[in-house]
Protein backbone atom coordinates (compact mmCIF):
# COMPACT_ATOMS: atom_id res chain seq x y z
CA MET A 1 -4.23 0.96 -13.87
CA VAL A 2 -1.48 0.44 -11.35
CA LYS A 3 -2.51 0.26 -7.69
CA LEU A 4 -0.56 0.33 -4.47
CA ASN A 5 -0.89 -2.97 -2.61
CA ILE A 6 -1.34 -1.40 0.82
CA SER A 7 -2.16 -4.71 2.47
CA LYS A 8 1.18 -6.19 1.42
CA LEU A 9 3.04 -3.03 2.44
CA VAL A 10 1.49 -3.05 5.92
CA ALA A 11 2.21 -6.77 6.31
CA ASP A 12 5.84 -6.32 5.26
CA LEU A 13 6.22 -3.48 7.78
CA GLY A 14 5.27 -5.85 10.60
CA GLY A 15 1.49 -5.57 10.60
CA ALA A 16 -1.01 -2.86 11.40
CA SER A 17 0.16 -2.14 14.95
CA ALA A 18 3.82 -1.80 13.97
CA THR A 19 2.95 0.35 10.95
CA ALA A 20 0.71 2.58 13.05
CA LYS A 21 3.40 3.03 15.69
CA MET A 22 6.01 3.86 13.04
CA THR A 23 3.79 6.44 11.35
CA GLY A 24 2.33 7.97 14.51
CA VAL A 25 -1.29 7.15 13.75
CA PRO A 26 -3.92 5.20 15.74
CA ARG A 27 -3.52 1.43 15.68
CA THR A 28 -6.62 1.00 13.51
CA ALA A 29 -5.58 3.52 10.82
CA PRO A 30 -3.73 1.00 8.62
CA TYR A 31 -6.89 -1.09 8.41
CA GLY A 32 -8.69 1.98 7.11
CA TRP A 33 -6.02 2.51 4.45
CA ILE A 34 -6.48 -1.07 3.33
CA ASP A 35 -10.30 -0.82 3.28
CA ARG A 36 -10.28 2.49 1.39
CA GLN A 37 -7.36 1.46 -0.83
CA TYR A 38 -5.80 4.83 -0.03
CA VAL A 39 -2.85 6.03 1.98
CA SER A 40 -1.64 9.64 1.92
CA SER A 41 1.67 10.69 0.46
CA THR A 42 2.55 12.10 3.89
CA VAL A 43 2.29 8.61 5.40
CA LEU A 44 4.36 7.15 2.55
CA GLU A 45 7.00 9.81 3.21
CA ILE A 46 7.12 8.81 6.89
CA ILE A 47 7.41 5.13 5.96
CA LYS A 48 10.26 5.88 3.54
CA THR A 49 12.02 8.11 6.11
CA GLN A 50 11.76 5.41 8.79
CA ASN A 51 12.77 2.65 6.32
CA PRO A 52 15.06 4.21 3.70
CA GLU A 53 15.91 0.77 2.31
CA ILE A 54 12.28 -0.05 1.44
CA GLU A 55 11.51 -0.18 -2.28
CA LEU A 56 8.00 1.26 -2.50
CA ASP A 57 7.90 0.57 -6.24
CA LYS A 58 7.56 -3.16 -5.59
CA TYR A 59 4.16 -2.55 -3.96
CA PHE A 60 2.66 -1.06 -7.12
CA GLU A 61 0.82 -3.74 -9.08
CA GLU A 62 -1.29 -3.82 -12.20
CA ASN A 63 -4.98 -4.21 -11.41
CA ILE A 64 -5.90 -7.81 -12.32
CA ASP A 65 -9.50 -6.88 -13.22
CA GLU A 66 -8.24 -4.39 -15.80
CA ILE A 67 -5.85 -6.94 -17.25
CA ASN A 68 -8.71 -9.44 -17.60
CA ASP A 69 -10.90 -6.78 -19.24
CA LYS A 70 -8.13 -6.01 -21.77
CA VAL A 71 -7.81 -9.71 -22.59
CA ARG A 72 -11.59 -10.08 -23.10
CA VAL A 73 -11.76 -7.00 -25.31
CA GLY A 74 -8.59 -7.93 -27.15
CA THR A 75 -6.60 -4.77 -26.51
């Protein structure tokens, strides 16, 4: 499974405070996204609108645990 590395995205956007300010959410919201491993498509749209040059695809990563499971099972 591919997962969005929200922590890296937030860090690259200048940290939680800068990301919150850019997206119009409370300062602590990005920490919640990281903890829940979820950010809404609406927020991603705002990020992309504010930073059209950002390549969101680079933040999608294969889940390491699933890769290790595949190796153990031999698939």
